[in-house]
N, C-alpha and C. Protein backbone atom coordinates (compact mmCIF):
# COMPACT_ATOMS: atom_id res chain seq x y z
N MET A 1 6.50 5.14 -22.16
CA MET A 1 5.75 5.01 -20.84
C MET A 1 5.03 3.68 -20.83
N THR A 2 5.04 3.08 -19.60
CA THR A 2 4.34 1.80 -19.48
C THR A 2 2.89 2.03 -19.21
N VAL A 3 2.09 1.04 -19.42
CA VAL A 3 0.70 1.07 -19.22
C VAL A 3 0.47 1.53 -17.70
N LEU A 4 1.24 1.01 -16.80
CA LEU A 4 1.00 1.29 -15.29
C LEU A 4 1.34 2.78 -15.06
N GLU A 5 2.41 3.41 -15.78
CA GLU A 5 2.53 4.82 -15.57
C GLU A 5 1.55 5.56 -16.16
N GLU A 6 0.94 5.23 -17.29
CA GLU A 6 -0.14 5.92 -17.91
C GLU A 6 -1.42 5.90 -17.03
N TRP A 7 -1.58 4.75 -16.39
CA TRP A 7 -2.71 4.52 -15.47
C TRP A 7 -2.58 5.56 -14.31
N ILE A 8 -1.37 5.57 -13.73
CA ILE A 8 -1.13 6.46 -12.57
C ILE A 8 -1.39 7.87 -12.91
N ASP A 9 -0.83 8.11 -14.03
CA ASP A 9 -0.93 9.65 -14.45
C ASP A 9 -2.46 9.96 -14.64
N ALA A 10 -3.24 9.02 -15.28
CA ALA A 10 -4.64 9.27 -15.46
C ALA A 10 -5.35 9.35 -14.21
N VAL A 11 -5.05 8.54 -13.26
CA VAL A 11 -5.83 8.49 -11.95
C VAL A 11 -5.55 9.73 -11.15
N CYS A 12 -4.19 10.15 -11.14
CA CYS A 12 -3.80 11.29 -10.59
C CYS A 12 -4.59 12.49 -11.14
N LEU A 13 -4.64 12.57 -12.36
CA LEU A 13 -5.45 13.70 -13.01
C LEU A 13 -6.96 13.67 -12.58
N GLU A 14 -7.47 12.52 -12.65
CA GLU A 14 -8.83 12.35 -12.28
C GLU A 14 -9.15 12.71 -10.84
N LEU A 15 -8.22 12.41 -9.92
CA LEU A 15 -8.54 12.71 -8.56
C LEU A 15 -7.87 13.90 -8.02
N GLY A 16 -7.20 14.66 -8.90
CA GLY A 16 -6.61 15.95 -8.48
C GLY A 16 -5.35 15.72 -7.54
N ILE A 17 -4.70 14.63 -7.77
CA ILE A 17 -3.41 14.29 -7.04
C ILE A 17 -2.18 14.68 -7.84
N ASP A 18 -1.24 15.42 -7.05
CA ASP A 18 -0.02 15.74 -7.69
C ASP A 18 0.71 14.60 -7.91
N ARG A 19 1.13 14.27 -9.18
CA ARG A 19 1.90 13.07 -9.61
C ARG A 19 3.11 12.85 -8.80
N ASP A 20 3.73 13.93 -8.48
CA ASP A 20 5.04 13.82 -7.69
C ASP A 20 4.82 13.37 -6.26
N ASP A 21 3.48 13.48 -5.77
CA ASP A 21 3.31 12.78 -4.41
C ASP A 21 2.98 11.27 -4.44
N VAL A 22 3.10 10.73 -5.59
CA VAL A 22 2.82 9.25 -5.67
C VAL A 22 4.23 8.55 -5.82
N ASP A 23 4.54 7.73 -4.73
CA ASP A 23 5.78 6.91 -4.78
C ASP A 23 5.28 5.49 -5.13
N ARG A 24 5.20 5.05 -6.34
CA ARG A 24 4.83 3.83 -6.96
C ARG A 24 5.51 2.71 -6.29
N ASP A 25 6.88 2.77 -6.25
CA ASP A 25 7.55 1.63 -5.65
C ASP A 25 7.31 1.31 -4.15
N LEU A 26 7.11 2.44 -3.49
CA LEU A 26 6.96 2.33 -2.05
C LEU A 26 5.60 1.51 -1.87
N ILE A 27 4.59 1.90 -2.61
CA ILE A 27 3.22 1.22 -2.44
C ILE A 27 3.30 -0.27 -2.96
N LEU A 28 3.91 -0.47 -4.03
CA LEU A 28 4.14 -1.91 -4.71
C LEU A 28 4.91 -2.65 -3.73
N ASP A 29 5.94 -2.05 -3.18
CA ASP A 29 6.70 -2.96 -2.14
C ASP A 29 5.92 -3.27 -0.90
N LEU A 30 5.22 -2.38 -0.40
CA LEU A 30 4.28 -2.64 0.76
C LEU A 30 3.30 -3.76 0.27
N ALA A 31 2.61 -3.54 -0.79
CA ALA A 31 1.65 -4.59 -1.19
C ALA A 31 2.27 -5.97 -1.35
N ARG A 32 3.37 -6.00 -2.05
CA ARG A 32 4.06 -7.28 -2.03
C ARG A 32 4.33 -7.93 -0.72
N GLU A 33 4.81 -7.26 0.26
CA GLU A 33 5.07 -7.77 1.67
C GLU A 33 3.80 -8.23 2.39
N VAL A 34 2.67 -7.49 2.10
CA VAL A 34 1.44 -7.92 2.84
C VAL A 34 0.94 -9.05 2.12
N ALA A 35 0.85 -9.11 0.66
CA ALA A 35 0.39 -10.25 0.00
C ALA A 35 1.06 -11.51 0.33
N HIS A 36 2.34 -11.44 0.52
CA HIS A 36 3.10 -12.66 0.83
C HIS A 36 3.09 -13.02 2.36
N GLY A 37 3.31 -12.03 3.10
CA GLY A 37 3.36 -12.28 4.47
C GLY A 37 2.05 -12.42 5.25
N VAL A 38 1.03 -11.86 4.77
CA VAL A 38 -0.30 -11.89 5.53
C VAL A 38 -1.37 -12.61 4.58
N ALA A 39 -1.87 -11.93 3.61
CA ALA A 39 -2.88 -12.56 2.79
C ALA A 39 -3.02 -11.65 1.48
N ARG A 40 -3.25 -12.32 0.40
CA ARG A 40 -3.26 -11.49 -0.95
C ARG A 40 -4.32 -10.31 -0.85
N PRO A 41 -5.43 -10.62 -0.36
CA PRO A 41 -6.53 -9.56 -0.40
C PRO A 41 -6.07 -8.38 0.72
N GLY A 42 -5.08 -8.68 1.51
CA GLY A 42 -4.72 -7.57 2.37
C GLY A 42 -3.84 -6.60 1.70
N ALA A 43 -3.29 -6.81 0.60
CA ALA A 43 -2.48 -5.88 -0.17
C ALA A 43 -3.30 -4.67 -0.51
N PRO A 44 -4.30 -4.75 -1.31
CA PRO A 44 -4.95 -3.50 -1.69
C PRO A 44 -5.58 -2.82 -0.41
N LEU A 45 -6.14 -3.56 0.55
CA LEU A 45 -6.76 -2.99 1.54
C LEU A 45 -5.70 -2.15 2.47
N THR A 46 -4.42 -2.72 2.57
CA THR A 46 -3.46 -2.08 3.36
C THR A 46 -2.96 -0.86 2.61
N ALA A 47 -2.86 -0.87 1.25
CA ALA A 47 -2.52 0.33 0.52
C ALA A 47 -3.51 1.47 0.75
N TYR A 48 -4.76 1.05 0.69
CA TYR A 48 -5.94 2.00 1.00
C TYR A 48 -5.90 2.65 2.43
N LEU A 49 -5.62 1.73 3.35
CA LEU A 49 -5.50 2.24 4.78
C LEU A 49 -4.32 3.18 4.85
N LEU A 50 -3.18 2.87 4.27
CA LEU A 50 -2.04 3.80 4.28
C LEU A 50 -2.44 5.09 3.64
N GLY A 51 -3.10 5.08 2.59
CA GLY A 51 -3.63 6.33 1.97
C GLY A 51 -4.45 7.17 2.98
N LEU A 52 -5.35 6.50 3.63
CA LEU A 52 -6.13 7.34 4.75
C LEU A 52 -5.30 7.93 5.73
N ALA A 53 -4.29 7.16 6.17
CA ALA A 53 -3.34 7.63 7.20
C ALA A 53 -2.56 8.77 6.74
N VAL A 54 -2.14 8.74 5.42
CA VAL A 54 -1.39 9.70 4.75
C VAL A 54 -2.17 11.04 4.70
N GLY A 55 -3.52 10.67 4.31
CA GLY A 55 -4.34 11.92 4.16
C GLY A 55 -4.59 12.63 5.66
N ARG A 56 -4.40 11.88 6.64
CA ARG A 56 -4.47 12.47 7.98
C ARG A 56 -3.23 12.95 8.60
N GLY A 57 -2.15 12.86 7.85
CA GLY A 57 -0.88 13.52 8.27
C GLY A 57 0.41 12.53 8.47
N THR A 58 0.08 11.22 8.36
CA THR A 58 1.20 10.30 8.58
C THR A 58 2.12 10.30 7.24
N PRO A 59 3.40 10.48 7.51
CA PRO A 59 4.29 10.56 6.38
C PRO A 59 4.20 9.11 5.69
N ALA A 60 4.15 9.11 4.39
CA ALA A 60 3.95 7.90 3.55
C ALA A 60 5.04 6.84 3.95
N ARG A 61 6.41 7.24 3.84
CA ARG A 61 7.45 6.44 4.06
C ARG A 61 7.34 5.77 5.44
N ASP A 62 6.99 6.54 6.43
CA ASP A 62 6.99 6.19 7.92
C ASP A 62 5.94 5.12 8.02
N GLY A 63 4.72 5.42 7.47
CA GLY A 63 3.55 4.43 7.56
C GLY A 63 3.88 3.29 6.74
N ALA A 64 4.47 3.23 5.61
CA ALA A 64 4.77 2.07 4.92
C ALA A 64 5.86 1.18 5.60
N ALA A 65 6.83 1.96 6.12
CA ALA A 65 7.85 1.07 6.94
C ALA A 65 7.31 0.42 8.06
N ARG A 66 6.36 1.04 8.91
CA ARG A 66 5.76 0.41 9.89
C ARG A 66 4.90 -0.80 9.52
N LEU A 67 4.11 -0.63 8.50
CA LEU A 67 3.28 -1.64 8.13
C LEU A 67 4.12 -2.86 7.23
N THR A 68 5.15 -2.48 6.69
CA THR A 68 6.00 -3.53 6.08
C THR A 68 6.69 -4.33 7.21
N ALA A 69 7.09 -3.78 8.16
CA ALA A 69 7.68 -4.57 9.40
C ALA A 69 6.49 -5.34 10.04
N MET A 70 5.32 -4.93 10.16
CA MET A 70 4.24 -5.71 10.60
C MET A 70 4.00 -6.99 9.82
N ALA A 71 4.01 -6.70 8.57
CA ALA A 71 3.73 -7.87 7.47
C ALA A 71 4.77 -8.88 7.55
N GLU A 72 5.98 -8.29 7.65
CA GLU A 72 7.19 -9.31 7.70
C GLU A 72 7.20 -10.29 8.91
N GLY A 73 6.74 -9.81 10.01
CA GLY A 73 6.64 -10.52 11.20
C GLY A 73 5.33 -11.08 11.61
N TRP A 74 4.36 -11.00 10.68
CA TRP A 74 2.93 -11.34 11.05
C TRP A 74 2.81 -12.87 11.22
N LYS A 75 2.26 -13.06 12.46
CA LYS A 75 1.76 -14.45 12.77
C LYS A 75 0.41 -14.48 13.08
N PRO A 76 -0.40 -15.10 12.29
CA PRO A 76 -1.86 -15.23 12.65
C PRO A 76 -2.14 -15.84 13.91
N GLY A 77 -3.21 -15.37 14.53
CA GLY A 77 -3.71 -15.93 15.75
C GLY A 77 -4.18 -17.28 15.56
N PRO A 78 -4.32 -18.11 16.64
CA PRO A 78 -4.85 -19.48 16.66
C PRO A 78 -6.31 -19.41 16.02
N GLY A 79 -6.59 -20.30 15.08
CA GLY A 79 -7.92 -20.38 14.50
C GLY A 79 -8.20 -19.39 13.35
N SER A 80 -7.20 -18.63 13.05
CA SER A 80 -7.36 -17.63 11.98
C SER A 80 -7.46 -18.52 10.60
N GLN A 81 -8.23 -17.93 9.69
CA GLN A 81 -8.50 -18.39 8.36
C GLN A 81 -8.17 -17.51 7.40
N ASP A 82 -7.75 -18.08 6.18
CA ASP A 82 -7.41 -17.14 4.98
C ASP A 82 -8.85 -16.58 4.53
N SER A 83 -8.85 -15.35 3.99
CA SER A 83 -9.99 -14.94 3.48
C SER A 83 -9.84 -14.61 2.06
């Protein structure tokens, strides 16, 4: 088992989350697209926002697909700065 898998298992146990509900690759792929297409700090924030949406009933794969598409086509507005 990798350190990442051990961490995910421990976090799931701590937060009472069913490990089978965690799609590691889905989240990492989304984070990669946001980090490269928008801004690095946007990756963890976007993952968190997806988690909130999933908690409110949005299917994880649907939400991640929509956000990935947004990140892939993201064009910052005029005068935008990296944060």
